[in-house]
Structures are given as C-alpha cells and as structure tokens.
Amino acid sequence: MGVLILDASHGRLDTIATLTSRQPRNGEPPNSLEITQISPGKITATDIYCQSTDANCCPSGKTTARWTYHNGTLTPDTP
C-alpha cells in the first residue's frame, strides 16, 4: 500500500511519487503510512508495520518517515 503524491500547481494533476513503507513486511495486513505533516518541501508520516513477533491483526511497529521534495523529485530522508 502506498500514498500517491500529486501536484496541481500547473493547472493539471501530475504524479510526483508514491510513498511506501520503508520497513520490512513481516505479515498481513501490509505496512501502512499515516501522513502526519505536510509543509513546503517536506512530508512526514508514521510508518506502521508488523514486527516479527506480532500477530497479523496487531502491528506494533511505528517509526517516523520523512521525504523531501526538491527540483521535481521526492526522496526519502536518511534515518
């Protein structure tokens, strides 16, 4: 699963990127991202994922993920 990032600043919708979890997938359901902040040039999300000891119903892993938008490209920040 991912989050589609679009740009409409030129009068049309352009796809910039699809943000996906950067954590290993250890089961079902798939990892998910919760967007927590959008500011000029930055997107911050909570990355929610199953750890190796979690039941499939109950992901307990959470980490913060950040991306930077510069010159038309969205790239993940180094943790």
PDB file of N, CA and C in Angstrom:
ATOM      1  N   MET A   1       0.846  -1.169   0.000  1.00  0.00           N
ATOM      2  CA  MET A   1       0.000   0.000   0.000  1.00  0.00           C
ATOM      3  C   MET A   1       0.888   1.226   0.000  1.00  0.00           C
ATOM      4  N   GLY A   2       0.395   2.284  -0.570  1.00  0.00           N
ATOM      5  CA  GLY A   2       1.170   3.498  -0.631  1.00  0.00           C
ATOM      6  C   GLY A   2       0.282   4.719  -0.653  1.00  0.00           C
ATOM      7  N   VAL A   3       0.925   5.869  -0.630  1.00  0.00           N
ATOM      8  CA  VAL A   3       0.245   7.152  -0.674  1.00  0.00           C
ATOM      9  C   VAL A   3       0.691   7.841  -1.956  1.00  0.00           C
ATOM     10  N   LEU A   4      -0.258   8.168  -2.818  1.00  0.00           N
ATOM     11  CA  LEU A   4       0.032   8.822  -4.077  1.00  0.00           C
ATOM     12  C   LEU A   4       0.158  10.323  -3.834  1.00  0.00           C
ATOM     13  N   ILE A   5       1.266  10.920  -4.272  1.00  0.00           N
ATOM     14  CA  ILE A   5       1.503  12.354  -4.108  1.00  0.00           C
ATOM     15  C   ILE A   5       1.332  13.019  -5.469  1.00  0.00           C
ATOM     16  N   LEU A   6       0.446  14.003  -5.517  1.00  0.00           N
ATOM     17  CA  LEU A   6       0.120  14.693  -6.764  1.00  0.00           C
ATOM     18  C   LEU A   6       0.481  16.167  -6.668  1.00  0.00           C
ATOM     19  N   ASP A   7       0.715  16.798  -7.818  1.00  0.00           N
ATOM     20  CA  ASP A   7       0.991  18.229  -7.913  1.00  0.00           C
ATOM     21  C   ASP A   7      -0.018  18.823  -8.877  1.00  0.00           C
ATOM     22  N   ALA A   8      -0.737  19.859  -8.446  1.00  0.00           N
ATOM     23  CA  ALA A   8      -1.712  20.513  -9.312  1.00  0.00           C
ATOM     24  C   ALA A   8      -1.328  21.975  -9.553  1.00  0.00           C
ATOM     25  N   SER A   9      -0.088  22.324  -9.307  1.00  0.00           N
ATOM     26  CA  SER A   9       0.322  23.724  -9.398  1.00  0.00           C
ATOM     27  C   SER A   9       0.395  24.256 -10.829  1.00  0.00           C
ATOM     28  N   HIS A  10       0.351  23.393 -11.824  1.00  0.00           N
ATOM     29  CA  HIS A  10       0.439  23.830 -13.222  1.00  0.00           C
ATOM     30  C   HIS A  10      -0.895  23.709 -13.948  1.00  0.00           C
ATOM     31  N   GLY A  11      -1.988  23.653 -13.190  1.00  0.00           N
ATOM     32  CA  GLY A  11      -3.310  23.579 -13.790  1.00  0.00           C
ATOM     33  C   GLY A  11      -3.727  22.189 -14.221  1.00  0.00           C
ATOM     34  N   ARG A  12      -2.919  21.180 -13.896  1.00  0.00           N
ATOM     35  CA  ARG A  12      -3.258  19.786 -14.196  1.00  0.00           C
ATOM     36  C   ARG A  12      -2.672  18.919 -13.081  1.00  0.00           C
ATOM     37  N   LEU A  13      -3.189  17.722 -12.939  1.00  0.00           N
ATOM     38  CA  LEU A  13      -2.647  16.808 -11.936  1.00  0.00           C
ATOM     39  C   LEU A  13      -1.468  16.039 -12.497  1.00  0.00           C
ATOM     40  N   ASP A  14      -0.347  16.157 -11.838  1.00  0.00           N
ATOM     41  CA  ASP A  14       0.852  15.407 -12.200  1.00  0.00           C
ATOM     42  C   ASP A  14       1.233  14.524 -11.021  1.00  0.00           C
ATOM     43  N   THR A  15       1.588  13.287 -11.292  1.00  0.00           N
ATOM     44  CA  THR A  15       2.045  12.388 -10.239  1.00  0.00           C
ATOM     45  C   THR A  15       3.498  12.694  -9.923  1.00  0.00           C
ATOM     46  N   ILE A  16       3.786  12.915  -8.643  1.00  0.00           N
ATOM     47  CA  ILE A  16       5.162  13.157  -8.207  1.00  0.00           C
ATOM     48  C   ILE A  16       5.795  11.849  -7.758  1.00  0.00           C
ATOM     49  N   ALA A  17       5.070  11.102  -6.918  1.00  0.00           N
ATOM     50  CA  ALA A  17       5.634   9.864  -6.368  1.00  0.00           C
ATOM     51  C   ALA A  17       4.550   9.072  -5.661  1.00  0.00           C
ATOM     52  N   THR A  18       4.876   7.827  -5.352  1.00  0.00           N
ATOM     53  CA  THR A  18       4.068   7.018  -4.454  1.00  0.00           C
ATOM     54  C   THR A  18       4.936   6.690  -3.246  1.00  0.00           C
ATOM     55  N   LEU A  19       4.512   7.138  -2.084  1.00  0.00           N
ATOM     56  CA  LEU A  19       5.250   6.858  -0.859  1.00  0.00           C
ATOM     57  C   LEU A  19       4.839   5.489  -0.341  1.00  0.00           C
ATOM     58  N   THR A  20       5.805   4.684   0.023  1.00  0.00           N
ATOM     59  CA  THR A  20       5.535   3.364   0.587  1.00  0.00           C
ATOM     60  C   THR A  20       6.372   3.168   1.843  1.00  0.00           C
ATOM     61  N   SER A  21       5.988   2.189   2.622  1.00  0.00           N
ATOM     62  CA  SER A  21       6.713   1.867   3.850  1.00  0.00           C
ATOM     63  C   SER A  21       8.149   1.482   3.525  1.00  0.00           C
ATOM     64  N   ARG A  22       9.065   1.894   4.384  1.00  0.00           N
ATOM     65  CA  ARG A  22      10.462   1.517   4.230  1.00  0.00           C
ATOM     66  C   ARG A  22      10.859   0.435   5.235  1.00  0.00           C
ATOM     67  N   GLN A  23       9.854  -0.153   5.898  1.00  0.00           N
ATOM     68  CA  GLN A  23      10.100  -1.220   6.859  1.00  0.00           C
ATOM     69  C   GLN A  23       9.854  -2.572   6.192  1.00  0.00           C
ATOM     70  N   PRO A  24      10.525  -3.631   6.679  1.00  0.00           N
ATOM     71  CA  PRO A  24      10.270  -4.956   6.096  1.00  0.00           C
ATOM     72  C   PRO A  24       8.824  -5.388   6.357  1.00  0.00           C
ATOM     73  N   ARG A  25       8.282  -6.101   5.400  1.00  0.00           N
ATOM     74  CA  ARG A  25       6.914  -6.603   5.552  1.00  0.00           C
ATOM     75  C   ARG A  25       6.984  -7.994   6.166  1.00  0.00           C
ATOM     76  N   ASN A  26       6.438  -8.126   7.373  1.00  0.00           N
ATOM     77  CA  ASN A  26       6.526  -9.388   8.113  1.00  0.00           C
ATOM     78  C   ASN A  26       5.200 -10.132   8.214  1.00  0.00           C
ATOM     79  N   GLY A  27       4.205  -9.707   7.509  1.00  0.00           N
ATOM     80  CA  GLY A  27       2.926 -10.410   7.601  1.00  0.00           C
ATOM     81  C   GLY A  27       1.809  -9.610   6.964  1.00  0.00           C
ATOM     82  N   GLU A  28       0.590  -9.992   7.300  1.00  0.00           N
ATOM     83  CA  GLU A  28      -0.598  -9.308   6.815  1.00  0.00           C
ATOM     84  C   GLU A  28      -1.237  -8.611   7.998  1.00  0.00           C
ATOM     85  N   PRO A  29      -1.861  -7.486   7.877  1.00  0.00           N
ATOM     86  CA  PRO A  29      -2.019  -6.709   6.659  1.00  0.00           C
ATOM     87  C   PRO A  29      -0.697  -6.062   6.257  1.00  0.00           C
ATOM     88  N   PRO A  30      -0.662  -5.482   5.047  1.00  0.00           N
ATOM     89  CA  PRO A  30       0.581  -4.826   4.634  1.00  0.00           C
ATOM     90  C   PRO A  30       0.877  -3.616   5.512  1.00  0.00           C
ATOM     91  N   ASN A  31       2.121  -3.188   5.499  1.00  0.00           N
ATOM     92  CA  ASN A  31       2.508  -1.987   6.232  1.00  0.00           C
ATOM     93  C   ASN A  31       1.678  -0.801   5.743  1.00  0.00           C
ATOM     94  N   SER A  32       1.569   0.220   6.584  1.00  0.00           N
ATOM     95  CA  SER A  32       0.802   1.394   6.173  1.00  0.00           C
ATOM     96  C   SER A  32       1.523   2.669   6.586  1.00  0.00           C
ATOM     97  N   LEU A  33       1.148   3.750   5.920  1.00  0.00           N
ATOM     98  CA  LEU A  33       1.678   5.064   6.240  1.00  0.00           C
ATOM     99  C   LEU A  33       0.538   5.970   6.661  1.00  0.00           C
ATOM    100  N   GLU A  34       0.757   6.742   7.697  1.00  0.00           N
ATOM    101  CA  GLU A  34      -0.204   7.746   8.135  1.00  0.00           C
ATOM    102  C   GLU A  34       0.497   9.099   7.998  1.00  0.00           C
ATOM    103  N   ILE A  35       0.030   9.926   7.068  1.00  0.00           N
ATOM    104  CA  ILE A  35       0.649  11.237   6.860  1.00  0.00           C
ATOM    105  C   ILE A  35       0.349  12.085   8.086  1.00  0.00           C
ATOM    106  N   THR A  36       1.397  12.610   8.716  1.00  0.00           N
ATOM    107  CA  THR A  36       1.222  13.397   9.935  1.00  0.00           C
ATOM    108  C   THR A  36       1.514  14.884   9.732  1.00  0.00           C
ATOM    109  N   GLN A  37       2.284  15.215   8.693  1.00  0.00           N
ATOM    110  CA  GLN A  37       2.575  16.627   8.443  1.00  0.00           C
ATOM    111  C   GLN A  37       2.996  16.822   6.991  1.00  0.00           C
ATOM    112  N   ILE A  38       2.464  17.885   6.393  1.00  0.00           N
ATOM    113  CA  ILE A  38       2.887  18.307   5.067  1.00  0.00           C
ATOM    114  C   ILE A  38       3.250  19.782   5.179  1.00  0.00           C
ATOM    115  N   SER A  39       4.460  20.113   4.791  1.00  0.00           N
ATOM    116  CA  SER A  39       4.911  21.502   4.788  1.00  0.00           C
ATOM    117  C   SER A  39       5.669  21.722   3.478  1.00  0.00           C
ATOM    118  N   PRO A  40       5.949  22.963   3.108  1.00  0.00           N
ATOM    119  CA  PRO A  40       6.640  23.189   1.842  1.00  0.00           C
ATOM    120  C   PRO A  40       7.935  22.379   1.747  1.00  0.00           C
ATOM    121  N   GLY A  41       7.977  21.478   0.772  1.00  0.00           N
ATOM    122  CA  GLY A  41       9.170  20.683   0.531  1.00  0.00           C
ATOM    123  C   GLY A  41       9.364  19.481   1.440  1.00  0.00           C
ATOM    124  N   LYS A  42       8.442  19.214   2.360  1.00  0.00           N
ATOM    125  CA  LYS A  42       8.610  18.101   3.314  1.00  0.00           C
ATOM    126  C   LYS A  42       7.294  17.362   3.540  1.00  0.00           C
ATOM    127  N   ILE A  43       7.392  16.045   3.658  1.00  0.00           N
ATOM    128  CA  ILE A  43       6.253  15.218   4.070  1.00  0.00           C
ATOM    129  C   ILE A  43       6.751  14.316   5.194  1.00  0.00           C
ATOM    130  N   THR A  44       5.985  14.256   6.280  1.00  0.00           N
ATOM    131  CA  THR A  44       6.316  13.396   7.409  1.00  0.00           C
ATOM    132  C   THR A  44       5.160  12.422   7.614  1.00  0.00           C
ATOM    133  N   ALA A  45       5.501  11.156   7.871  1.00  0.00           N
ATOM    134  CA  ALA A  45       4.478  10.128   8.061  1.00  0.00           C
ATOM    135  C   ALA A  45       4.896   9.188   9.187  1.00  0.00           C
ATOM    136  N   THR A  46       3.893   8.550   9.776  1.00  0.00           N
ATOM    137  CA  THR A  46       4.152   7.457  10.708  1.00  0.00           C
ATOM    138  C   THR A  46       4.065   6.172   9.901  1.00  0.00           C
ATOM    139  N   ASP A  47       5.120   5.392   9.940  1.00  0.00           N
ATOM    140  CA  ASP A  47       5.219   4.110   9.240  1.00  0.00           C
ATOM    141  C   ASP A  47       4.801   3.029  10.236  1.00  0.00           C
ATOM    142  N   ILE A  48       3.689   2.343   9.960  1.00  0.00           N
ATOM    143  CA  ILE A  48       3.126   1.342  10.868  1.00  0.00           C
ATOM    144  C   ILE A  48       3.325  -0.034  10.248  1.00  0.00           C
ATOM    145  N   TYR A  49       3.918  -0.953  11.016  1.00  0.00           N
ATOM    146  CA  TYR A  49       4.277  -2.249  10.449  1.00  0.00           C
ATOM    147  C   TYR A  49       4.256  -3.336  11.516  1.00  0.00           C
ATOM    148  N   CYS A  50       4.137  -4.591  11.064  1.00  0.00           N
ATOM    149  CA  CYS A  50       4.203  -5.749  11.960  1.00  0.00           C
ATOM    150  C   CYS A  50       5.662  -6.084  12.238  1.00  0.00           C
ATOM    151  N   GLN A  51       5.967  -6.262  13.507  1.00  0.00           N
ATOM    152  CA  GLN A  51       7.287  -6.758  13.875  1.00  0.00           C
ATOM    153  C   GLN A  51       7.230  -8.290  13.835  1.00  0.00           C
ATOM    154  N   SER A  52       8.369  -8.925  13.873  1.00  0.00           N
ATOM    155  CA  SER A  52       8.425 -10.376  13.679  1.00  0.00           C
ATOM    156  C   SER A  52       7.620 -11.152  14.720  1.00  0.00           C
ATOM    157  N   THR A  53       7.377 -10.588  15.884  1.00  0.00           N
ATOM    158  CA  THR A  53       6.629 -11.295  16.939  1.00  0.00           C
ATOM    159  C   THR A  53       5.161 -10.892  17.010  1.00  0.00           C
ATOM    160  N   ASP A  54       4.709  -9.997  16.139  1.00  0.00           N
ATOM    161  CA  ASP A  54       3.322  -9.519  16.159  1.00  0.00           C
ATOM    162  C   ASP A  54       2.375 -10.503  15.490  1.00  0.00           C
ATOM    163  N   ALA A  55       1.165 -10.573  16.018  1.00  0.00           N
ATOM    164  CA  ALA A  55       0.091 -11.275  15.312  1.00  0.00           C
ATOM    165  C   ALA A  55      -0.292 -10.426  14.105  1.00  0.00           C
ATOM    166  N   ASN A  56      -0.812 -11.056  13.058  1.00  0.00           N
ATOM    167  CA  ASN A  56      -1.161 -10.332  11.838  1.00  0.00           C
ATOM    168  C   ASN A  56      -2.166  -9.211  12.077  1.00  0.00           C
ATOM    169  N   CYS A  57      -2.977  -9.338  13.114  1.00  0.00           N
ATOM    170  CA  CYS A  57      -4.008  -8.344  13.376  1.00  0.00           C
ATOM    171  C   CYS A  57      -3.489  -7.077  14.019  1.00  0.00           C
ATOM    172  N   CYS A  58      -2.299  -7.164  14.613  1.00  0.00           N
ATOM    173  CA  CYS A  58      -1.925  -6.123  15.564  1.00  0.00           C
ATOM    174  C   CYS A  58      -0.504  -5.604  15.368  1.00  0.00           C
ATOM    175  N   PRO A  59      -0.275  -4.783  14.348  1.00  0.00           N
ATOM    176  CA  PRO A  59       1.074  -4.263  14.149  1.00  0.00           C
ATOM    177  C   PRO A  59       1.472  -3.344  15.303  1.00  0.00           C
ATOM    178  N   SER A  60       2.647  -3.558  15.841  1.00  0.00           N
ATOM    179  CA  SER A  60       3.099  -2.725  16.964  1.00  0.00           C
ATOM    180  C   SER A  60       4.287  -1.847  16.593  1.00  0.00           C
ATOM    181  N   GLY A  61       4.847  -2.047  15.408  1.00  0.00           N
ATOM    182  CA  GLY A  61       5.991  -1.253  14.996  1.00  0.00           C
ATOM    183  C   GLY A  61       5.562   0.096  14.468  1.00  0.00           C
ATOM    184  N   LYS A  62       6.214   1.146  14.946  1.00  0.00           N
ATOM    185  CA  LYS A  62       5.947   2.504  14.458  1.00  0.00           C
ATOM    186  C   LYS A  62       7.272   3.254  14.385  1.00  0.00           C
ATOM    187  N   THR A  63       7.450   3.966  13.303  1.00  0.00           N
ATOM    188  CA  THR A  63       8.618   4.813  13.153  1.00  0.00           C
ATOM    189  C   THR A  63       8.217   6.026  12.323  1.00  0.00           C
ATOM    190  N   THR A  64       8.980   7.084  12.419  1.00  0.00           N
ATOM    191  CA  THR A  64       8.713   8.287  11.642  1.00  0.00           C
ATOM    192  C   THR A  64       9.513   8.227  10.346  1.00  0.00           C
ATOM    193  N   ALA A  65       8.847   8.523   9.257  1.00  0.00           N
ATOM    194  CA  ALA A  65       9.490   8.556   7.942  1.00  0.00           C
ATOM    195  C   ALA A  65       9.308   9.954   7.357  1.00  0.00           C
ATOM    196  N   ARG A  66      10.358  10.462   6.724  1.00  0.00           N
ATOM    197  CA  ARG A  66      10.299  11.804   6.130  1.00  0.00           C
ATOM    198  C   ARG A  66      10.805  11.769   4.687  1.00  0.00           C
ATOM    199  N   TRP A  67      10.205  12.619   3.859  1.00  0.00           N
ATOM    200  CA  TRP A  67      10.623  12.776   2.473  1.00  0.00           C
ATOM    201  C   TRP A  67      10.807  14.265   2.190  1.00  0.00           C
ATOM    202  N   THR A  68      11.720  14.578   1.276  1.00  0.00           N
ATOM    203  CA  THR A  68      11.981  15.955   0.867  1.00  0.00           C
ATOM    204  C   THR A  68      11.687  16.096  -0.619  1.00  0.00           C
ATOM    205  N   TYR A  69      10.992  17.178  -0.976  1.00  0.00           N
ATOM    206  CA  TYR A  69      10.682  17.486  -2.368  1.00  0.00           C
ATOM    207  C   TYR A  69      11.598  18.609  -2.829  1.00  0.00           C
ATOM    208  N   HIS A  70      12.384  18.333  -3.882  1.00  0.00           N
ATOM    209  CA  HIS A  70      13.312  19.337  -4.388  1.00  0.00           C
ATOM    210  C   HIS A  70      13.510  19.115  -5.889  1.00  0.00           C
ATOM    211  N   ASN A  71      13.383  20.175  -6.645  1.00  0.00           N
ATOM    212  CA  ASN A  71      13.582  20.118  -8.108  1.00  0.00           C
ATOM    213  C   ASN A  71      12.757  19.027  -8.781  1.00  0.00           C
ATOM    214  N   GLY A  72      11.491  18.888  -8.370  1.00  0.00           N
ATOM    215  CA  GLY A  72      10.605  17.926  -9.007  1.00  0.00           C
ATOM    216  C   GLY A  72      10.755  16.494  -8.567  1.00  0.00           C
ATOM    217  N   THR A  73      11.579  16.243  -7.542  1.00  0.00           N
ATOM    218  CA  THR A  73      11.815  14.881  -7.081  1.00  0.00           C
ATOM    219  C   THR A  73      11.537  14.764  -5.586  1.00  0.00           C
ATOM    220  N   LEU A  74      10.850  13.718  -5.201  1.00  0.00           N
ATOM    221  CA  LEU A  74      10.571  13.416  -3.785  1.00  0.00           C
ATOM    222  C   LEU A  74      11.489  12.270  -3.375  1.00  0.00           C
ATOM    223  N   THR A  75      12.362  12.512  -2.404  1.00  0.00           N
ATOM    224  CA  THR A  75      13.316  11.491  -1.980  1.00  0.00           C
ATOM    225  C   THR A  75      13.205  11.267  -0.474  1.00  0.00           C
ATOM    226  N   PRO A  76      13.409  10.014  -0.035  1.00  0.00           N
ATOM    227  CA  PRO A  76      13.346   9.745   1.407  1.00  0.00           C
ATOM    228  C   PRO A  76      14.564  10.338   2.108  1.00  0.00           C
ATOM    229  N   ASP A  77      14.321  10.910   3.289  1.00  0.00           N
ATOM    230  CA  ASP A  77      15.422  11.399   4.111  1.00  0.00           C
ATOM    231  C   ASP A  77      16.147  10.211   4.723  1.00  0.00           C
ATOM    232  N   THR A  78      17.409  10.365   4.990  1.00  0.00           N
ATOM    233  CA  THR A  78      18.185   9.319   5.646  1.00  0.00           C
ATOM    234  C   THR A  78      17.790   9.283   7.114  1.00  0.00           C
ATOM    235  N   PRO A  79      17.455   8.086   7.612  1.00  0.00           N
ATOM    236  CA  PRO A  79      17.032   7.994   9.030  1.00  0.00           C
ATOM    237  C   PRO A  79      18.133   8.400   9.982  1.00  0.00           C
TER     238      PRO A  79
END
